[in-house]
Amino acid sequence: MRIENREIHWKEGEMVVFDDTYDHEVWNDTDKTRVVLLIDVVSPFRGPLAWINRGIVTLIGKSSFVTEAMKKHLEWEKQFYSRLGKAS
């Protein structure tokens, strides 16, 4: 993983926390599946900046980028559980 000019090597069982507003990229050079848990934290602004920030976060959540990703995830989840023989 590269964040700005710094390269980070993740190790199994460890976590990486970083501010994704910095230029970054991640790659998987293994033959194993990489699973990522993303947690977004809303910046703690005050007053008008907090309202603007909340509005931007809401718009992003409604964007086709996010809604399509959610739709694809739900489709994947359905297939995953059907292969296991379980109802989702």
PDB file of N, CA and C in Angstrom:
ATOM      1  N   MET A   1       0.861  -1.162   0.000  1.00  0.00           N
ATOM      2  CA  MET A   1       0.000   0.000   0.000  1.00  0.00           C
ATOM      3  C   MET A   1       0.905   1.221   0.000  1.00  0.00           C
ATOM      4  N   ARG A   2       0.495   2.200  -0.807  1.00  0.00           N
ATOM      5  CA  ARG A   2       1.246   3.452  -0.835  1.00  0.00           C
ATOM      6  C   ARG A   2       0.321   4.573  -0.400  1.00  0.00           C
ATOM      7  N   ILE A   3       0.777   5.363   0.557  1.00  0.00           N
ATOM      8  CA  ILE A   3       0.066   6.559   0.993  1.00  0.00           C
ATOM      9  C   ILE A   3       1.034   7.718   0.817  1.00  0.00           C
ATOM     10  N   GLU A   4       0.679   8.621  -0.126  1.00  0.00           N
ATOM     11  CA  GLU A   4       1.586   9.695  -0.532  1.00  0.00           C
ATOM     12  C   GLU A   4       2.887   9.052  -1.014  1.00  0.00           C
ATOM     13  N   ASN A   5       4.018   9.353  -0.378  1.00  0.00           N
ATOM     14  CA  ASN A   5       5.304   8.780  -0.803  1.00  0.00           C
ATOM     15  C   ASN A   5       5.767   7.651   0.107  1.00  0.00           C
ATOM     16  N   ARG A   6       4.895   7.209   0.995  1.00  0.00           N
ATOM     17  CA  ARG A   6       5.262   6.186   1.980  1.00  0.00           C
ATOM     18  C   ARG A   6       4.654   4.836   1.604  1.00  0.00           C
ATOM     19  N   GLU A   7       5.466   3.793   1.628  1.00  0.00           N
ATOM     20  CA  GLU A   7       4.962   2.452   1.339  1.00  0.00           C
ATOM     21  C   GLU A   7       4.779   1.682   2.642  1.00  0.00           C
ATOM     22  N   ILE A   8       3.609   1.039   2.785  1.00  0.00           N
ATOM     23  CA  ILE A   8       3.282   0.297   3.995  1.00  0.00           C
ATOM     24  C   ILE A   8       3.062  -1.156   3.618  1.00  0.00           C
ATOM     25  N   HIS A   9       3.642  -2.063   4.365  1.00  0.00           N
ATOM     26  CA  HIS A   9       3.466  -3.492   4.116  1.00  0.00           C
ATOM     27  C   HIS A   9       2.591  -4.061   5.219  1.00  0.00           C
ATOM     28  N   TRP A  10       1.366  -4.433   4.852  1.00  0.00           N
ATOM     29  CA  TRP A  10       0.407  -4.980   5.800  1.00  0.00           C
ATOM     30  C   TRP A  10       0.796  -6.407   6.152  1.00  0.00           C
ATOM     31  N   LYS A  11       0.563  -6.791   7.402  1.00  0.00           N
ATOM     32  CA  LYS A  11       0.826  -8.161   7.864  1.00  0.00           C
ATOM     33  C   LYS A  11      -0.475  -8.750   8.392  1.00  0.00           C
ATOM     34  N   GLU A  12      -0.695 -10.038   8.113  1.00  0.00           N
ATOM     35  CA  GLU A  12      -1.903 -10.714   8.554  1.00  0.00           C
ATOM     36  C   GLU A  12      -2.088 -10.551  10.059  1.00  0.00           C
ATOM     37  N   GLY A  13      -3.325 -10.252  10.462  1.00  0.00           N
ATOM     38  CA  GLY A  13      -3.632 -10.070  11.875  1.00  0.00           C
ATOM     39  C   GLY A  13      -3.444  -8.645  12.356  1.00  0.00           C
ATOM     40  N   GLU A  14      -2.941  -7.783  11.493  1.00  0.00           N
ATOM     41  CA  GLU A  14      -2.740  -6.380  11.872  1.00  0.00           C
ATOM     42  C   GLU A  14      -3.717  -5.500  11.108  1.00  0.00           C
ATOM     43  N   MET A  15      -3.844  -4.262  11.516  1.00  0.00           N
ATOM     44  CA  MET A  15      -4.724  -3.339  10.809  1.00  0.00           C
ATOM     45  C   MET A  15      -3.937  -2.103  10.402  1.00  0.00           C
ATOM     46  N   VAL A  16      -4.480  -1.418   9.410  1.00  0.00           N
ATOM     47  CA  VAL A  16      -3.886  -0.170   8.944  1.00  0.00           C
ATOM     48  C   VAL A  16      -4.986   0.888   8.989  1.00  0.00           C
ATOM     49  N   VAL A  17      -4.697   1.995   9.626  1.00  0.00           N
ATOM     50  CA  VAL A  17      -5.630   3.112   9.692  1.00  0.00           C
ATOM     51  C   VAL A  17      -4.940   4.295   9.026  1.00  0.00           C
ATOM     52  N   PHE A  18      -5.642   4.914   8.080  1.00  0.00           N
ATOM     53  CA  PHE A  18      -5.050   6.076   7.419  1.00  0.00           C
ATOM     54  C   PHE A  18      -6.141   7.002   6.910  1.00  0.00           C
ATOM     55  N   ASP A  19      -5.764   8.220   6.632  1.00  0.00           N
ATOM     56  CA  ASP A  19      -6.675   9.231   6.112  1.00  0.00           C
ATOM     57  C   ASP A  19      -6.695   9.101   4.591  1.00  0.00           C
ATOM     58  N   ASP A  20      -7.835   8.646   4.050  1.00  0.00           N
ATOM     59  CA  ASP A  20      -7.888   8.389   2.614  1.00  0.00           C
ATOM     60  C   ASP A  20      -8.051   9.648   1.761  1.00  0.00           C
ATOM     61  N   THR A  21      -7.957  10.822   2.397  1.00  0.00           N
ATOM     62  CA  THR A  21      -7.935  12.040   1.592  1.00  0.00           C
ATOM     63  C   THR A  21      -6.549  12.252   0.989  1.00  0.00           C
ATOM     64  N   TYR A  22      -5.547  11.513   1.510  1.00  0.00           N
ATOM     65  CA  TYR A  22      -4.213  11.539   0.920  1.00  0.00           C
ATOM     66  C   TYR A  22      -4.181  10.613  -0.288  1.00  0.00           C
ATOM     67  N   ASP A  23      -3.341  10.952  -1.267  1.00  0.00           N
ATOM     68  CA  ASP A  23      -3.177  10.109  -2.446  1.00  0.00           C
ATOM     69  C   ASP A  23      -2.691   8.734  -2.007  1.00  0.00           C
ATOM     70  N   HIS A  24      -3.415   7.672  -2.434  1.00  0.00           N
ATOM     71  CA  HIS A  24      -3.053   6.332  -1.988  1.00  0.00           C
ATOM     72  C   HIS A  24      -3.437   5.296  -3.043  1.00  0.00           C
ATOM     73  N   GLU A  25      -2.792   4.152  -2.944  1.00  0.00           N
ATOM     74  CA  GLU A  25      -3.147   3.006  -3.786  1.00  0.00           C
ATOM     75  C   GLU A  25      -2.790   1.734  -3.039  1.00  0.00           C
ATOM     76  N   VAL A  26      -3.526   0.674  -3.367  1.00  0.00           N
ATOM     77  CA  VAL A  26      -3.322  -0.613  -2.710  1.00  0.00           C
ATOM     78  C   VAL A  26      -3.282  -1.681  -3.787  1.00  0.00           C
ATOM     79  N   TRP A  27      -2.430  -2.656  -3.629  1.00  0.00           N
ATOM     80  CA  TRP A  27      -2.372  -3.749  -4.583  1.00  0.00           C
ATOM     81  C   TRP A  27      -2.212  -5.063  -3.836  1.00  0.00           C
ATOM     82  N   ASN A  28      -2.617  -6.137  -4.481  1.00  0.00           N
ATOM     83  CA  ASN A  28      -2.535  -7.476  -3.897  1.00  0.00           C
ATOM     84  C   ASN A  28      -1.702  -8.342  -4.838  1.00  0.00           C
ATOM     85  N   ASP A  29      -0.448  -8.560  -4.494  1.00  0.00           N
ATOM     86  CA  ASP A  29       0.453  -9.343  -5.331  1.00  0.00           C
ATOM     87  C   ASP A  29       0.470 -10.817  -4.950  1.00  0.00           C
ATOM     88  N   THR A  30      -0.580 -11.289  -4.285  1.00  0.00           N
ATOM     89  CA  THR A  30      -0.646 -12.698  -3.903  1.00  0.00           C
ATOM     90  C   THR A  30      -1.737 -13.381  -4.718  1.00  0.00           C
ATOM     91  N   ASP A  31      -1.820 -14.689  -4.570  1.00  0.00           N
ATOM     92  CA  ASP A  31      -2.900 -15.418  -5.240  1.00  0.00           C
ATOM     93  C   ASP A  31      -4.089 -15.609  -4.297  1.00  0.00           C
ATOM     94  N   LYS A  32      -4.065 -14.928  -3.155  1.00  0.00           N
ATOM     95  CA  LYS A  32      -5.140 -15.034  -2.170  1.00  0.00           C
ATOM     96  C   LYS A  32      -6.109 -13.867  -2.303  1.00  0.00           C
ATOM     97  N   THR A  33      -7.344 -14.100  -1.865  1.00  0.00           N
ATOM     98  CA  THR A  33      -8.356 -13.050  -1.877  1.00  0.00           C
ATOM     99  C   THR A  33      -8.062 -12.059  -0.764  1.00  0.00           C
ATOM    100  N   ARG A  34      -8.202 -10.792  -1.079  1.00  0.00           N
ATOM    101  CA  ARG A  34      -8.003  -9.736  -0.090  1.00  0.00           C
ATOM    102  C   ARG A  34      -9.370  -9.225   0.315  1.00  0.00           C
ATOM    103  N   VAL A  35      -9.633  -9.182   1.611  1.00  0.00           N
ATOM    104  CA  VAL A  35     -10.892  -8.671   2.134  1.00  0.00           C
ATOM    105  C   VAL A  35     -10.577  -7.420   2.946  1.00  0.00           C
ATOM    106  N   VAL A  36     -11.357  -6.377   2.713  1.00  0.00           N
ATOM    107  CA  VAL A  36     -11.094  -5.098   3.357  1.00  0.00           C
ATOM    108  C   VAL A  36     -12.337  -4.634   4.099  1.00  0.00           C
ATOM    109  N   LEU A  37     -12.153  -4.177   5.318  1.00  0.00           N
ATOM    110  CA  LEU A  37     -13.234  -3.555   6.082  1.00  0.00           C
ATOM    111  C   LEU A  37     -12.944  -2.061   6.102  1.00  0.00           C
ATOM    112  N   LEU A  38     -13.824  -1.295   5.490  1.00  0.00           N
ATOM    113  CA  LEU A  38     -13.663   0.153   5.465  1.00  0.00           C
ATOM    114  C   LEU A  38     -14.604   0.785   6.479  1.00  0.00           C
ATOM    115  N   ILE A  39     -14.073   1.689   7.257  1.00  0.00           N
ATOM    116  CA  ILE A  39     -14.883   2.420   8.222  1.00  0.00           C
ATOM    117  C   ILE A  39     -14.651   3.906   7.962  1.00  0.00           C
ATOM    118  N   ASP A  40     -15.710   4.592   7.555  1.00  0.00           N
ATOM    119  CA  ASP A  40     -15.615   6.028   7.323  1.00  0.00           C
ATOM    120  C   ASP A  40     -15.990   6.772   8.590  1.00  0.00           C
ATOM    121  N   VAL A  41     -15.203   7.776   8.908  1.00  0.00           N
ATOM    122  CA  VAL A  41     -15.461   8.600  10.084  1.00  0.00           C
ATOM    123  C   VAL A  41     -15.711  10.025   9.589  1.00  0.00           C
ATOM    124  N   VAL A  42     -16.837  10.587   9.973  1.00  0.00           N
ATOM    125  CA  VAL A  42     -17.160  11.955   9.570  1.00  0.00           C
ATOM    126  C   VAL A  42     -16.321  12.915  10.401  1.00  0.00           C
ATOM    127  N   SER A  43     -15.672  13.843   9.720  1.00  0.00           N
ATOM    128  CA  SER A  43     -14.818  14.820  10.407  1.00  0.00           C
ATOM    129  C   SER A  43     -15.643  15.678  11.359  1.00  0.00           C
ATOM    130  N   PRO A  44     -15.106  15.927  12.559  1.00  0.00           N
ATOM    131  CA  PRO A  44     -15.868  16.668  13.580  1.00  0.00           C
ATOM    132  C   PRO A  44     -15.779  18.187  13.417  1.00  0.00           C
ATOM    133  N   PHE A  45     -16.394  18.718  12.357  1.00  0.00           N
ATOM    134  CA  PHE A  45     -16.420  20.166  12.159  1.00  0.00           C
ATOM    135  C   PHE A  45     -17.502  20.781  13.035  1.00  0.00           C
ATOM    136  N   ARG A  46     -17.469  22.108  13.169  1.00  0.00           N
ATOM    137  CA  ARG A  46     -18.492  22.831  13.939  1.00  0.00           C
ATOM    138  C   ARG A  46     -19.267  23.760  13.015  1.00  0.00           C
ATOM    139  N   GLY A  47     -20.481  24.068  13.439  1.00  0.00           N
ATOM    140  CA  GLY A  47     -21.304  25.065  12.749  1.00  0.00           C
ATOM    141  C   GLY A  47     -21.558  24.749  11.290  1.00  0.00           C
ATOM    142  N   PRO A  48     -21.482  25.790  10.441  1.00  0.00           N
ATOM    143  CA  PRO A  48     -21.794  25.613   9.018  1.00  0.00           C
ATOM    144  C   PRO A  48     -20.943  24.543   8.326  1.00  0.00           C
ATOM    145  N   LEU A  49     -19.685  24.419   8.715  1.00  0.00           N
ATOM    146  CA  LEU A  49     -18.838  23.386   8.105  1.00  0.00           C
ATOM    147  C   LEU A  49     -19.366  21.985   8.400  1.00  0.00           C
ATOM    148  N   ALA A  50     -19.918  21.779   9.585  1.00  0.00           N
ATOM    149  CA  ALA A  50     -20.492  20.475   9.933  1.00  0.00           C
ATOM    150  C   ALA A  50     -21.691  20.175   9.039  1.00  0.00           C
ATOM    151  N   TRP A  51     -22.517  21.171   8.767  1.00  0.00           N
ATOM    152  CA  TRP A  51     -23.700  20.976   7.919  1.00  0.00           C
ATOM    153  C   TRP A  51     -23.284  20.668   6.488  1.00  0.00           C
ATOM    154  N   ILE A  52     -22.305  21.408   5.999  1.00  0.00           N
ATOM    155  CA  ILE A  52     -21.803  21.173   4.635  1.00  0.00           C
ATOM    156  C   ILE A  52     -21.210  19.776   4.545  1.00  0.00           C
ATOM    157  N   ASN A  53     -20.403  19.413   5.533  1.00  0.00           N
ATOM    158  CA  ASN A  53     -19.766  18.093   5.548  1.00  0.00           C
ATOM    159  C   ASN A  53     -20.821  16.980   5.562  1.00  0.00           C
ATOM    160  N   ARG A  54     -21.843  17.125   6.409  1.00  0.00           N
ATOM    161  CA  ARG A  54     -22.922  16.130   6.481  1.00  0.00           C
ATOM    162  C   ARG A  54     -23.652  16.021   5.149  1.00  0.00           C
ATOM    163  N   GLY A  55     -23.887  17.166   4.509  1.00  0.00           N
ATOM    164  CA  GLY A  55     -24.546  17.188   3.201  1.00  0.00           C
ATOM    165  C   GLY A  55     -23.728  16.462   2.149  1.00  0.00           C
ATOM    166  N   ILE A  56     -22.417  16.707   2.154  1.00  0.00           N
ATOM    167  CA  ILE A  56     -21.528  16.044   1.185  1.00  0.00           C
ATOM    168  C   ILE A  56     -21.522  14.543   1.427  1.00  0.00           C
ATOM    169  N   VAL A  57     -21.429  14.114   2.679  1.00  0.00           N
ATOM    170  CA  VAL A  57     -21.430  12.685   3.005  1.00  0.00           C
ATOM    171  C   VAL A  57     -22.749  12.046   2.559  1.00  0.00           C
ATOM    172  N   THR A  58     -23.859  12.744   2.765  1.00  0.00           N
ATOM    173  CA  THR A  58     -25.168  12.229   2.341  1.00  0.00           C
ATOM    174  C   THR A  58     -25.222  12.079   0.826  1.00  0.00           C
ATOM    175  N   LEU A  59     -24.741  13.090   0.099  1.00  0.00           N
ATOM    176  CA  LEU A  59     -24.736  13.027  -1.369  1.00  0.00           C
ATOM    177  C   LEU A  59     -23.860  11.880  -1.871  1.00  0.00           C
ATOM    178  N   ILE A  60     -22.714  11.696  -1.257  1.00  0.00           N
ATOM    179  CA  ILE A  60     -21.832  10.589  -1.652  1.00  0.00           C
ATOM    180  C   ILE A  60     -22.549   9.263  -1.452  1.00  0.00           C
ATOM    181  N   GLY A  61     -23.242   9.114  -0.327  1.00  0.00           N
ATOM    182  CA  GLY A  61     -23.974   7.878  -0.045  1.00  0.00           C
ATOM    183  C   GLY A  61     -25.073   7.588  -1.057  1.00  0.00           C
ATOM    184  N   LYS A  62     -25.599   8.628  -1.682  1.00  0.00           N
ATOM    185  CA  LYS A  62     -26.658   8.469  -2.679  1.00  0.00           C
ATOM    186  C   LYS A  62     -26.118   8.406  -4.104  1.00  0.00           C
ATOM    187  N   SER A  63     -24.810   8.562  -4.265  1.00  0.00           N
ATOM    188  CA  SER A  63     -24.213   8.564  -5.601  1.00  0.00           C
ATOM    189  C   SER A  63     -24.288   7.179  -6.231  1.00  0.00           C
ATOM    190  N   SER A  64     -24.252   7.131  -7.559  1.00  0.00           N
ATOM    191  CA  SER A  64     -24.298   5.844  -8.256  1.00  0.00           C
ATOM    192  C   SER A  64     -23.056   5.008  -7.916  1.00  0.00           C
ATOM    193  N   PHE A  65     -21.951   5.663  -7.625  1.00  0.00           N
ATOM    194  CA  PHE A  65     -20.724   4.939  -7.253  1.00  0.00           C
ATOM    195  C   PHE A  65     -20.985   4.057  -6.032  1.00  0.00           C
ATOM    196  N   VAL A  66     -21.628   4.614  -5.023  1.00  0.00           N
ATOM    197  CA  VAL A  66     -21.902   3.877  -3.789  1.00  0.00           C
ATOM    198  C   VAL A  66     -23.095   2.935  -3.956  1.00  0.00           C
ATOM    199  N   THR A  67     -24.181   3.422  -4.561  1.00  0.00           N
ATOM    200  CA  THR A  67     -25.372   2.575  -4.686  1.00  0.00           C
ATOM    201  C   THR A  67     -25.112   1.364  -5.570  1.00  0.00           C
ATOM    202  N   GLU A  68     -24.332   1.521  -6.631  1.00  0.00           N
ATOM    203  CA  GLU A  68     -23.989   0.375  -7.490  1.00  0.00           C
ATOM    204  C   GLU A  68     -23.105  -0.616  -6.737  1.00  0.00           C
ATOM    205  N   ALA A  69     -22.173  -0.105  -5.954  1.00  0.00           N
ATOM    206  CA  ALA A  69     -21.312  -0.988  -5.162  1.00  0.00           C
ATOM    207  C   ALA A  69     -22.140  -1.774  -4.153  1.00  0.00           C
ATOM    208  N   MET A  70     -23.097  -1.115  -3.520  1.00  0.00           N
ATOM    209  CA  MET A  70     -23.966  -1.801  -2.558  1.00  0.00           C
ATOM    210  C   MET A  70     -24.801  -2.873  -3.249  1.00  0.00           C
ATOM    211  N   LYS A  71     -25.324  -2.539  -4.428  1.00  0.00           N
ATOM    212  CA  LYS A  71     -26.126  -3.491  -5.196  1.00  0.00           C
ATOM    213  C   LYS A  71     -25.284  -4.723  -5.556  1.00  0.00           C
ATOM    214  N   LYS A  72     -24.065  -4.493  -6.031  1.00  0.00           N
ATOM    215  CA  LYS A  72     -23.184  -5.608  -6.396  1.00  0.00           C
ATOM    216  C   LYS A  72     -22.835  -6.448  -5.171  1.00  0.00           C
ATOM    217  N   HIS A  73     -22.629  -5.786  -4.039  1.00  0.00           N
ATOM    218  CA  HIS A  73     -22.307  -6.521  -2.816  1.00  0.00           C
ATOM    219  C   HIS A  73     -23.481  -7.415  -2.409  1.00  0.00           C
ATOM    220  N   LEU A  74     -24.688  -6.876  -2.460  1.00  0.00           N
ATOM    221  CA  LEU A  74     -25.862  -7.675  -2.097  1.00  0.00           C
ATOM    222  C   LEU A  74     -26.040  -8.866  -3.037  1.00  0.00           C
ATOM    223  N   GLU A  75     -25.764  -8.670  -4.334  1.00  0.00           N
ATOM    224  CA  GLU A  75     -25.827  -9.776  -5.293  1.00  0.00           C
ATOM    225  C   GLU A  75     -24.775 -10.833  -4.950  1.00  0.00           C
ATOM    226  N   TRP A  76     -23.562 -10.375  -4.638  1.00  0.00           N
ATOM    227  CA  TRP A  76     -22.490 -11.303  -4.270  1.00  0.00           C
ATOM    228  C   TRP A  76     -22.872 -12.089  -3.019  1.00  0.00           C
ATOM    229  N   GLU A  77     -23.414 -11.372  -2.029  1.00  0.00           N
ATOM    230  CA  GLU A  77     -23.803 -11.998  -0.771  1.00  0.00           C
ATOM    231  C   GLU A  77     -24.868 -13.076  -0.993  1.00  0.00           C
ATOM    232  N   LYS A  78     -25.836 -12.785  -1.857  1.00  0.00           N
ATOM    233  CA  LYS A  78     -26.887 -13.744  -2.191  1.00  0.00           C
ATOM    234  C   LYS A  78     -26.274 -15.021  -2.783  1.00  0.00           C
ATOM    235  N   GLN A  79     -25.367 -14.844  -3.741  1.00  0.00           N
ATOM    236  CA  GLN A  79     -24.701 -15.989  -4.373  1.00  0.00           C
ATOM    237  C   GLN A  79     -23.864 -16.763  -3.362  1.00  0.00           C
ATOM    238  N   PHE A  80     -23.180 -16.035  -2.512  1.00  0.00           N
ATOM    239  CA  PHE A  80     -22.322 -16.665  -1.504  1.00  0.00           C
ATOM    240  C   PHE A  80     -23.140 -17.580  -0.601  1.00  0.00           C
ATOM    241  N   TYR A  81     -24.253 -17.044  -0.071  1.00  0.00           N
ATOM    242  CA  TYR A  81     -25.076 -17.847   0.837  1.00  0.00           C
ATOM    243  C   TYR A  81     -25.809 -18.972   0.120  1.00  0.00           C
ATOM    244  N   SER A  82     -26.166 -18.767  -1.151  1.00  0.00           N
ATOM    245  CA  SER A  82     -26.847 -19.850  -1.879  1.00  0.00           C
ATOM    246  C   SER A  82     -25.879 -21.007  -2.112  1.00  0.00           C
ATOM    247  N   ARG A  83     -24.586 -20.704  -2.298  1.00  0.00           N
ATOM    248  CA  ARG A  83     -23.583 -21.773  -2.452  1.00  0.00           C
ATOM    249  C   ARG A  83     -23.399 -22.539  -1.149  1.00  0.00           C
ATOM    250  N   LEU A  84     -23.613 -21.882  -0.033  1.00  0.00           N
ATOM    251  CA  LEU A  84     -23.483 -22.533   1.263  1.00  0.00           C
ATOM    252  C   LEU A  84     -24.764 -23.291   1.632  1.00  0.00           C
ATOM    253  N   GLY A  85     -25.801 -23.058   0.840  1.00  0.00           N
ATOM    254  CA  GLY A  85     -27.081 -23.712   1.121  1.00  0.00           C
ATOM    255  C   GLY A  85     -27.855 -23.045   2.225  1.00  0.00           C
ATOM    256  N   LYS A  86     -27.577 -21.745   2.440  1.00  0.00           N
ATOM    257  CA  LYS A  86     -28.268 -20.991   3.490  1.00  0.00           C
ATOM    258  C   LYS A  86     -29.060 -19.857   2.867  1.00  0.00           C
ATOM    259  N   ALA A  87     -30.131 -19.501   3.484  1.00  0.00           N
ATOM    260  CA  ALA A  87     -30.904 -18.332   3.041  1.00  0.00           C
ATOM    261  C   ALA A  87     -30.225 -17.069   3.559  1.00  0.00           C
ATOM    262  N   SER A  88     -30.243 -16.012   2.772  1.00  0.00           N
ATOM    263  CA  SER A  88     -29.612 -14.780   3.236  1.00  0.00           C
ATOM    264  C   SER A  88     -30.557 -13.944   4.065  1.00  0.00           C
TER     265      SER A  88
END
